[in-house]
Amino acid sequence: MYRGIDYERMVMALSFNSTRFNESTKKVLGFCVTMGSASRPIKLSVGSVWEFTAENEVGKFDVELKLDTVLQYKGRKAKCPLMVICLLKL
């Protein structure tokens, strides 16, 4: 039996050392990620500044991409929260 899947809005957040760059809400199947916050300073904690300095010397940054949504099979009442966390090395 074929059943479709419906989902609520997806929330996407990028963070460095637990400090968020941005957060967006979309209801699409594809994402185009742009880091346009270069003109805005990002406030880092003392530990994050130390981590940024250490990773800047190496030239690689660990960034976390987190996607949140709720899935539901069409024709069913039960909802399933879904969270995906991707660790990226830039």
PDB file of N, CA and C in Angstrom:
ATOM      1  N   MET A   1       0.840  -1.178   0.000  1.00  0.00           N
ATOM      2  CA  MET A   1       0.000   0.000   0.000  1.00  0.00           C
ATOM      3  C   MET A   1       0.892   1.250   0.000  1.00  0.00           C
ATOM      4  N   TYR A   2       0.672   2.123  -0.945  1.00  0.00           N
ATOM      5  CA  TYR A   2       1.456   3.354  -1.042  1.00  0.00           C
ATOM      6  C   TYR A   2       0.850   4.418  -0.139  1.00  0.00           C
ATOM      7  N   ARG A   3       1.663   5.030   0.661  1.00  0.00           N
ATOM      8  CA  ARG A   3       1.239   6.153   1.503  1.00  0.00           C
ATOM      9  C   ARG A   3       2.219   7.296   1.302  1.00  0.00           C
ATOM     10  N   GLY A   4       1.685   8.477   1.214  1.00  0.00           N
ATOM     11  CA  GLY A   4       2.527   9.650   1.100  1.00  0.00           C
ATOM     12  C   GLY A   4       3.002  10.102   2.467  1.00  0.00           C
ATOM     13  N   ILE A   5       4.017  10.905   2.473  1.00  0.00           N
ATOM     14  CA  ILE A   5       4.549  11.459   3.713  1.00  0.00           C
ATOM     15  C   ILE A   5       4.399  12.972   3.647  1.00  0.00           C
ATOM     16  N   ASP A   6       3.840  13.536   4.694  1.00  0.00           N
ATOM     17  CA  ASP A   6       3.716  14.980   4.818  1.00  0.00           C
ATOM     18  C   ASP A   6       4.688  15.414   5.902  1.00  0.00           C
ATOM     19  N   TYR A   7       5.175  16.621   5.807  1.00  0.00           N
ATOM     20  CA  TYR A   7       6.098  17.121   6.822  1.00  0.00           C
ATOM     21  C   TYR A   7       5.804  18.581   7.091  1.00  0.00           C
ATOM     22  N   GLU A   8       6.121  18.990   8.315  1.00  0.00           N
ATOM     23  CA  GLU A   8       5.953  20.383   8.702  1.00  0.00           C
ATOM     24  C   GLU A   8       7.157  21.174   8.211  1.00  0.00           C
ATOM     25  N   ARG A   9       7.188  22.429   8.519  1.00  0.00           N
ATOM     26  CA  ARG A   9       8.318  23.268   8.100  1.00  0.00           C
ATOM     27  C   ARG A   9       9.617  22.718   8.660  1.00  0.00           C
ATOM     28  N   MET A  10      10.670  22.795   7.846  1.00  0.00           N
ATOM     29  CA  MET A  10      11.994  22.367   8.280  1.00  0.00           C
ATOM     30  C   MET A  10      12.738  23.578   8.832  1.00  0.00           C
ATOM     31  N   VAL A  11      13.331  23.399   9.981  1.00  0.00           N
ATOM     32  CA  VAL A  11      14.138  24.455  10.586  1.00  0.00           C
ATOM     33  C   VAL A  11      15.590  24.057  10.423  1.00  0.00           C
ATOM     34  N   MET A  12      16.377  24.932   9.815  1.00  0.00           N
ATOM     35  CA  MET A  12      17.786  24.676   9.573  1.00  0.00           C
ATOM     36  C   MET A  12      18.606  25.668  10.387  1.00  0.00           C
ATOM     37  N   ALA A  13      19.613  25.182  11.087  1.00  0.00           N
ATOM     38  CA  ALA A  13      20.483  26.057  11.871  1.00  0.00           C
ATOM     39  C   ALA A  13      21.933  25.640  11.657  1.00  0.00           C
ATOM     40  N   LEU A  14      22.798  26.608  11.428  1.00  0.00           N
ATOM     41  CA  LEU A  14      24.240  26.384  11.334  1.00  0.00           C
ATOM     42  C   LEU A  14      24.887  26.955  12.581  1.00  0.00           C
ATOM     43  N   SER A  15      25.838  26.219  13.140  1.00  0.00           N
ATOM     44  CA  SER A  15      26.507  26.715  14.341  1.00  0.00           C
ATOM     45  C   SER A  15      27.972  26.324  14.347  1.00  0.00           C
ATOM     46  N   PHE A  16      28.746  27.140  15.042  1.00  0.00           N
ATOM     47  CA  PHE A  16      30.162  26.880  15.272  1.00  0.00           C
ATOM     48  C   PHE A  16      30.372  26.879  16.778  1.00  0.00           C
ATOM     49  N   ASN A  17      30.814  25.748  17.308  1.00  0.00           N
ATOM     50  CA  ASN A  17      31.085  25.620  18.738  1.00  0.00           C
ATOM     51  C   ASN A  17      29.880  26.087  19.565  1.00  0.00           C
ATOM     52  N   SER A  18      28.681  25.631  19.187  1.00  0.00           N
ATOM     53  CA  SER A  18      27.406  25.929  19.850  1.00  0.00           C
ATOM     54  C   SER A  18      26.939  27.378  19.693  1.00  0.00           C
ATOM     55  N   THR A  19      27.547  28.156  18.812  1.00  0.00           N
ATOM     56  CA  THR A  19      27.101  29.522  18.531  1.00  0.00           C
ATOM     57  C   THR A  19      26.452  29.521  17.157  1.00  0.00           C
ATOM     58  N   ARG A  20      25.174  29.889  17.088  1.00  0.00           N
ATOM     59  CA  ARG A  20      24.431  29.843  15.828  1.00  0.00           C
ATOM     60  C   ARG A  20      24.804  30.983  14.899  1.00  0.00           C
ATOM     61  N   PHE A  21      24.971  30.643  13.610  1.00  0.00           N
ATOM     62  CA  PHE A  21      25.167  31.652  12.572  1.00  0.00           C
ATOM     63  C   PHE A  21      23.826  32.224  12.144  1.00  0.00           C
ATOM     64  N   ASN A  22      22.920  31.328  11.799  1.00  0.00           N
ATOM     65  CA  ASN A  22      21.609  31.750  11.317  1.00  0.00           C
ATOM     66  C   ASN A  22      20.618  30.630  11.551  1.00  0.00           C
ATOM     67  N   GLU A  23      19.377  30.933  11.326  1.00  0.00           N
ATOM     68  CA  GLU A  23      18.330  29.916  11.413  1.00  0.00           C
ATOM     69  C   GLU A  23      17.285  30.266  10.373  1.00  0.00           C
ATOM     70  N   SER A  24      16.818  29.275   9.642  1.00  0.00           N
ATOM     71  CA  SER A  24      15.802  29.546   8.635  1.00  0.00           C
ATOM     72  C   SER A  24      14.745  28.468   8.688  1.00  0.00           C
ATOM     73  N   THR A  25      13.551  28.822   8.250  1.00  0.00           N
ATOM     74  CA  THR A  25      12.434  27.889   8.205  1.00  0.00           C
ATOM     75  C   THR A  25      11.956  27.791   6.772  1.00  0.00           C
ATOM     76  N   LYS A  26      11.917  26.571   6.257  1.00  0.00           N
ATOM     77  CA  LYS A  26      11.498  26.370   4.875  1.00  0.00           C
ATOM     78  C   LYS A  26      10.621  25.140   4.772  1.00  0.00           C
ATOM     79  N   LYS A  27       9.763  25.094   3.762  1.00  0.00           N
ATOM     80  CA  LYS A  27       9.012  23.877   3.463  1.00  0.00           C
ATOM     81  C   LYS A  27       9.262  23.555   2.002  1.00  0.00           C
ATOM     82  N   VAL A  28      10.458  23.050   1.744  1.00  0.00           N
ATOM     83  CA  VAL A  28      10.874  22.658   0.410  1.00  0.00           C
ATOM     84  C   VAL A  28      11.672  21.369   0.524  1.00  0.00           C
ATOM     85  N   LEU A  29      11.928  20.730  -0.600  1.00  0.00           N
ATOM     86  CA  LEU A  29      12.714  19.499  -0.575  1.00  0.00           C
ATOM     87  C   LEU A  29      14.201  19.744  -0.764  1.00  0.00           C
ATOM     88  N   GLY A  30      14.595  20.901  -1.272  1.00  0.00           N
ATOM     89  CA  GLY A  30      16.010  21.198  -1.472  1.00  0.00           C
ATOM     90  C   GLY A  30      16.405  22.448  -0.708  1.00  0.00           C
ATOM     91  N   PHE A  31      17.645  22.522  -0.337  1.00  0.00           N
ATOM     92  CA  PHE A  31      18.145  23.682   0.388  1.00  0.00           C
ATOM     93  C   PHE A  31      19.299  24.303  -0.373  1.00  0.00           C
ATOM     94  N   CYS A  32      19.344  25.582  -0.390  1.00  0.00           N
ATOM     95  CA  CYS A  32      20.491  26.321  -0.916  1.00  0.00           C
ATOM     96  C   CYS A  32      21.068  27.097   0.262  1.00  0.00           C
ATOM     97  N   VAL A  33      22.197  26.658   0.762  1.00  0.00           N
ATOM     98  CA  VAL A  33      22.784  27.264   1.950  1.00  0.00           C
ATOM     99  C   VAL A  33      23.777  28.336   1.537  1.00  0.00           C
ATOM    100  N   THR A  34      23.576  29.538   2.028  1.00  0.00           N
ATOM    101  CA  THR A  34      24.529  30.617   1.801  1.00  0.00           C
ATOM    102  C   THR A  34      24.893  31.223   3.141  1.00  0.00           C
ATOM    103  N   MET A  35      26.124  31.538   3.301  1.00  0.00           N
ATOM    104  CA  MET A  35      26.592  32.173   4.531  1.00  0.00           C
ATOM    105  C   MET A  35      26.730  33.658   4.257  1.00  0.00           C
ATOM    106  N   GLY A  36      25.651  34.392   4.381  1.00  0.00           N
ATOM    107  CA  GLY A  36      25.654  35.816   4.086  1.00  0.00           C
ATOM    108  C   GLY A  36      25.812  36.666   5.312  1.00  0.00           C
ATOM    109  N   SER A  37      26.250  36.099   6.411  1.00  0.00           N
ATOM    110  CA  SER A  37      26.345  36.868   7.645  1.00  0.00           C
ATOM    111  C   SER A  37      27.729  37.489   7.836  1.00  0.00           C
ATOM    112  N   ALA A  38      28.524  37.537   6.782  1.00  0.00           N
ATOM    113  CA  ALA A  38      29.877  38.074   6.913  1.00  0.00           C
ATOM    114  C   ALA A  38      29.862  39.557   7.281  1.00  0.00           C
ATOM    115  N   SER A  39      28.800  40.270   6.913  1.00  0.00           N
ATOM    116  CA  SER A  39      28.725  41.685   7.238  1.00  0.00           C
ATOM    117  C   SER A  39      28.267  41.913   8.674  1.00  0.00           C
ATOM    118  N   ARG A  40      27.733  40.859   9.307  1.00  0.00           N
ATOM    119  CA  ARG A  40      27.302  40.955  10.700  1.00  0.00           C
ATOM    120  C   ARG A  40      28.299  40.232  11.584  1.00  0.00           C
ATOM    121  N   PRO A  41      28.780  40.863  12.631  1.00  0.00           N
ATOM    122  CA  PRO A  41      29.674  40.153  13.550  1.00  0.00           C
ATOM    123  C   PRO A  41      28.910  39.085  14.327  1.00  0.00           C
ATOM    124  N   ILE A  42      29.565  37.983  14.571  1.00  0.00           N
ATOM    125  CA  ILE A  42      28.972  36.897  15.347  1.00  0.00           C
ATOM    126  C   ILE A  42      29.641  36.899  16.707  1.00  0.00           C
ATOM    127  N   LYS A  43      28.840  37.005  17.754  1.00  0.00           N
ATOM    128  CA  LYS A  43      29.387  37.055  19.107  1.00  0.00           C
ATOM    129  C   LYS A  43      29.712  35.651  19.573  1.00  0.00           C
ATOM    130  N   LEU A  44      30.983  35.423  19.868  1.00  0.00           N
ATOM    131  CA  LEU A  44      31.437  34.121  20.330  1.00  0.00           C
ATOM    132  C   LEU A  44      31.770  34.193  21.813  1.00  0.00           C
ATOM    133  N   SER A  45      31.567  33.091  22.508  1.00  0.00           N
ATOM    134  CA  SER A  45      31.967  33.017  23.908  1.00  0.00           C
ATOM    135  C   SER A  45      33.489  32.917  23.970  1.00  0.00           C
ATOM    136  N   VAL A  46      34.037  33.032  25.173  1.00  0.00           N
ATOM    137  CA  VAL A  46      35.494  32.965  25.339  1.00  0.00           C
ATOM    138  C   VAL A  46      36.037  31.640  24.822  1.00  0.00           C
ATOM    139  N   GLY A  47      35.357  30.541  25.148  1.00  0.00           N
ATOM    140  CA  GLY A  47      35.785  29.227  24.666  1.00  0.00           C
ATOM    141  C   GLY A  47      35.692  29.114  23.152  1.00  0.00           C
ATOM    142  N   SER A  48      34.670  29.732  22.576  1.00  0.00           N
ATOM    143  CA  SER A  48      34.505  29.697  21.122  1.00  0.00           C
ATOM    144  C   SER A  48      35.586  30.502  20.419  1.00  0.00           C
ATOM    145  N   VAL A  49      35.992  31.619  21.021  1.00  0.00           N
ATOM    146  CA  VAL A  49      37.068  32.433  20.436  1.00  0.00           C
ATOM    147  C   VAL A  49      38.361  31.624  20.418  1.00  0.00           C
ATOM    148  N   TRP A  50      38.637  30.907  21.499  1.00  0.00           N
ATOM    149  CA  TRP A  50      39.844  30.080  21.564  1.00  0.00           C
ATOM    150  C   TRP A  50      39.769  28.987  20.492  1.00  0.00           C
ATOM    151  N   GLU A  51      38.602  28.350  20.359  1.00  0.00           N
ATOM    152  CA  GLU A  51      38.409  27.291  19.368  1.00  0.00           C
ATOM    153  C   GLU A  51      38.550  27.842  17.947  1.00  0.00           C
ATOM    154  N   PHE A  52      37.978  29.029  17.697  1.00  0.00           N
ATOM    155  CA  PHE A  52      38.079  29.662  16.379  1.00  0.00           C
ATOM    156  C   PHE A  52      39.536  29.957  16.045  1.00  0.00           C
ATOM    157  N   THR A  53      40.293  30.473  17.009  1.00  0.00           N
ATOM    158  CA  THR A  53      41.708  30.777  16.790  1.00  0.00           C
ATOM    159  C   THR A  53      42.490  29.510  16.460  1.00  0.00           C
ATOM    160  N   ALA A  54      42.235  28.430  17.201  1.00  0.00           N
ATOM    161  CA  ALA A  54      42.935  27.165  16.966  1.00  0.00           C
ATOM    162  C   ALA A  54      42.599  26.596  15.590  1.00  0.00           C
ATOM    163  N   GLU A  55      41.325  26.633  15.200  1.00  0.00           N
ATOM    164  CA  GLU A  55      40.927  26.086  13.906  1.00  0.00           C
ATOM    165  C   GLU A  55      41.354  27.003  12.759  1.00  0.00           C
ATOM    166  N   ASN A  56      41.442  28.298  13.025  1.00  0.00           N
ATOM    167  CA  ASN A  56      41.894  29.247  12.007  1.00  0.00           C
ATOM    168  C   ASN A  56      43.356  28.996  11.647  1.00  0.00           C
ATOM    169  N   GLU A  57      44.170  28.624  12.621  1.00  0.00           N
ATOM    170  CA  GLU A  57      45.578  28.325  12.368  1.00  0.00           C
ATOM    171  C   GLU A  57      45.735  27.109  11.463  1.00  0.00           C
ATOM    172  N   VAL A  58      44.853  26.127  11.638  1.00  0.00           N
ATOM    173  CA  VAL A  58      44.889  24.910  10.828  1.00  0.00           C
ATOM    174  C   VAL A  58      44.240  25.146   9.462  1.00  0.00           C
ATOM    175  N   GLY A  59      43.275  26.070   9.401  1.00  0.00           N
ATOM    176  CA  GLY A  59      42.582  26.366   8.143  1.00  0.00           C
ATOM    177  C   GLY A  59      41.359  25.503   7.890  1.00  0.00           C
ATOM    178  N   LYS A  60      40.882  24.783   8.910  1.00  0.00           N
ATOM    179  CA  LYS A  60      39.680  23.955   8.807  1.00  0.00           C
ATOM    180  C   LYS A  60      38.767  24.276   9.986  1.00  0.00           C
ATOM    181  N   PHE A  61      37.470  24.424   9.677  1.00  0.00           N
ATOM    182  CA  PHE A  61      36.508  24.769  10.714  1.00  0.00           C
ATOM    183  C   PHE A  61      35.441  23.688  10.818  1.00  0.00           C
ATOM    184  N   ASP A  62      35.124  23.287  12.048  1.00  0.00           N
ATOM    185  CA  ASP A  62      34.052  22.339  12.303  1.00  0.00           C
ATOM    186  C   ASP A  62      32.760  23.119  12.497  1.00  0.00           C
ATOM    187  N   VAL A  63      31.780  22.853  11.625  1.00  0.00           N
ATOM    188  CA  VAL A  63      30.485  23.528  11.670  1.00  0.00           C
ATOM    189  C   VAL A  63      29.414  22.458  11.771  1.00  0.00           C
ATOM    190  N   GLU A  64      28.357  22.757  12.529  1.00  0.00           N
ATOM    191  CA  GLU A  64      27.259  21.818  12.692  1.00  0.00           C
ATOM    192  C   GLU A  64      26.031  22.340  11.953  1.00  0.00           C
ATOM    193  N   LEU A  65      25.433  21.481  11.130  1.00  0.00           N
ATOM    194  CA  LEU A  65      24.189  21.787  10.428  1.00  0.00           C
ATOM    195  C   LEU A  65      23.103  20.922  11.043  1.00  0.00           C
ATOM    196  N   LYS A  66      22.036  21.570  11.541  1.00  0.00           N
ATOM    197  CA  LYS A  66      20.961  20.851  12.211  1.00  0.00           C
ATOM    198  C   LYS A  66      19.644  21.121  11.486  1.00  0.00           C
ATOM    199  N   LEU A  67      18.934  20.045  11.128  1.00  0.00           N
ATOM    200  CA  LEU A  67      17.618  20.136  10.486  1.00  0.00           C
ATOM    201  C   LEU A  67      16.579  19.512  11.417  1.00  0.00           C
ATOM    202  N   ASP A  68      15.485  20.238  11.655  1.00  0.00           N
ATOM    203  CA  ASP A  68      14.385  19.750  12.488  1.00  0.00           C
ATOM    204  C   ASP A  68      13.086  19.814  11.701  1.00  0.00           C
ATOM    205  N   THR A  69      12.263  18.780  11.810  1.00  0.00           N
ATOM    206  CA  THR A  69      10.927  18.776  11.221  1.00  0.00           C
ATOM    207  C   THR A  69      10.097  17.690  11.902  1.00  0.00           C
ATOM    208  N   VAL A  70       8.828  17.608  11.534  1.00  0.00           N
ATOM    209  CA  VAL A  70       7.941  16.558  12.021  1.00  0.00           C
ATOM    210  C   VAL A  70       7.321  15.894  10.798  1.00  0.00           C
ATOM    211  N   LEU A  71       7.463  14.565  10.698  1.00  0.00           N
ATOM    212  CA  LEU A  71       6.910  13.795   9.584  1.00  0.00           C
ATOM    213  C   LEU A  71       5.595  13.144  10.002  1.00  0.00           C
ATOM    214  N   GLN A  72       4.707  12.940   9.015  1.00  0.00           N
ATOM    215  CA  GLN A  72       3.451  12.247   9.273  1.00  0.00           C
ATOM    216  C   GLN A  72       3.043  11.507   8.004  1.00  0.00           C
ATOM    217  N   TYR A  73       2.743  10.212   8.152  1.00  0.00           N
ATOM    218  CA  TYR A  73       2.216   9.452   7.019  1.00  0.00           C
ATOM    219  C   TYR A  73       0.800   9.936   6.743  1.00  0.00           C
ATOM    220  N   LYS A  74       0.491  10.194   5.471  1.00  0.00           N
ATOM    221  CA  LYS A  74      -0.860  10.629   5.119  1.00  0.00           C
ATOM    222  C   LYS A  74      -1.836   9.507   5.437  1.00  0.00           C
ATOM    223  N   GLY A  75      -2.943   9.859   6.063  1.00  0.00           N
ATOM    224  CA  GLY A  75      -3.924   8.864   6.465  1.00  0.00           C
ATOM    225  C   GLY A  75      -3.701   8.334   7.866  1.00  0.00           C
ATOM    226  N   ARG A  76      -2.645   8.791   8.546  1.00  0.00           N
ATOM    227  CA  ARG A  76      -2.373   8.360   9.916  1.00  0.00           C
ATOM    228  C   ARG A  76      -2.308   9.585  10.815  1.00  0.00           C
ATOM    229  N   LYS A  77      -2.626   9.396  12.088  1.00  0.00           N
ATOM    230  CA  LYS A  77      -2.615  10.510  13.035  1.00  0.00           C
ATOM    231  C   LYS A  77      -1.264  10.689  13.716  1.00  0.00           C
ATOM    232  N   ALA A  78      -0.509   9.616  13.834  1.00  0.00           N
ATOM    233  CA  ALA A  78       0.762   9.672  14.552  1.00  0.00           C
ATOM    234  C   ALA A  78       1.766  10.561  13.815  1.00  0.00           C
ATOM    235  N   LYS A  79       2.495  11.370  14.583  1.00  0.00           N
ATOM    236  CA  LYS A  79       3.537  12.240  14.026  1.00  0.00           C
ATOM    237  C   LYS A  79       4.887  11.781  14.549  1.00  0.00           C
ATOM    238  N   CYS A  80       5.913  11.956  13.739  1.00  0.00           N
ATOM    239  CA  CYS A  80       7.257  11.503  14.090  1.00  0.00           C
ATOM    240  C   CYS A  80       8.232  12.675  13.995  1.00  0.00           C
ATOM    241  N   PRO A  81       8.730  13.168  15.136  1.00  0.00           N
ATOM    242  CA  PRO A  81       9.732  14.233  15.080  1.00  0.00           C
ATOM    243  C   PRO A  81      11.021  13.698  14.452  1.00  0.00           C
ATOM    244  N   LEU A  82      11.654  14.525  13.650  1.00  0.00           N
ATOM    245  CA  LEU A  82      12.895  14.125  12.975  1.00  0.00           C
ATOM    246  C   LEU A  82      13.931  15.222  13.142  1.00  0.00           C
ATOM    247  N   MET A  83      15.100  14.843  13.622  1.00  0.00           N
ATOM    248  CA  MET A  83      16.205  15.778  13.745  1.00  0.00           C
ATOM    249  C   MET A  83      17.433  15.137  13.118  1.00  0.00           C
ATOM    250  N   VAL A  84      18.083  15.881  12.224  1.00  0.00           N
ATOM    251  CA  VAL A  84      19.298  15.405  11.563  1.00  0.00           C
ATOM    252  C   VAL A  84      20.402  16.382  11.897  1.00  0.00           C
ATOM    253  N   ILE A  85      21.531  15.866  12.371  1.00  0.00           N
ATOM    254  CA  ILE A  85      22.675  16.711  12.671  1.00  0.00           C
ATOM    255  C   ILE A  85      23.837  16.251  11.807  1.00  0.00           C
ATOM    256  N   CYS A  86      24.372  17.182  11.010  1.00  0.00           N
ATOM    257  CA  CYS A  86      25.519  16.894  10.147  1.00  0.00           C
ATOM    258  C   CYS A  86      26.712  17.698  10.638  1.00  0.00           C
ATOM    259  N   LEU A  87      27.796  17.018  10.898  1.00  0.00           N
ATOM    260  CA  LEU A  87      29.026  17.695  11.279  1.00  0.00           C
ATOM    261  C   LEU A  87      29.829  17.937  10.007  1.00  0.00           C
ATOM    262  N   LEU A  88      30.089  19.184   9.706  1.00  0.00           N
ATOM    263  CA  LEU A  88      30.786  19.575   8.487  1.00  0.00           C
ATOM    264  C   LEU A  88      32.169  20.115   8.817  1.00  0.00           C
ATOM    265  N   LYS A  89      33.122  19.824   7.968  1.00  0.00           N
ATOM    266  CA  LYS A  89      34.463  20.376   8.118  1.00  0.00           C
ATOM    267  C   LYS A  89      34.710  21.269   6.910  1.00  0.00           C
ATOM    268  N   LEU A  90      34.820  22.561   7.163  1.00  0.00           N
ATOM    269  CA  LEU A  90      35.025  23.530   6.092  1.00  0.00           C
ATOM    270  C   LEU A  90      36.459  24.029   6.088  1.00  0.00           C
TER     271      LEU A  90
END
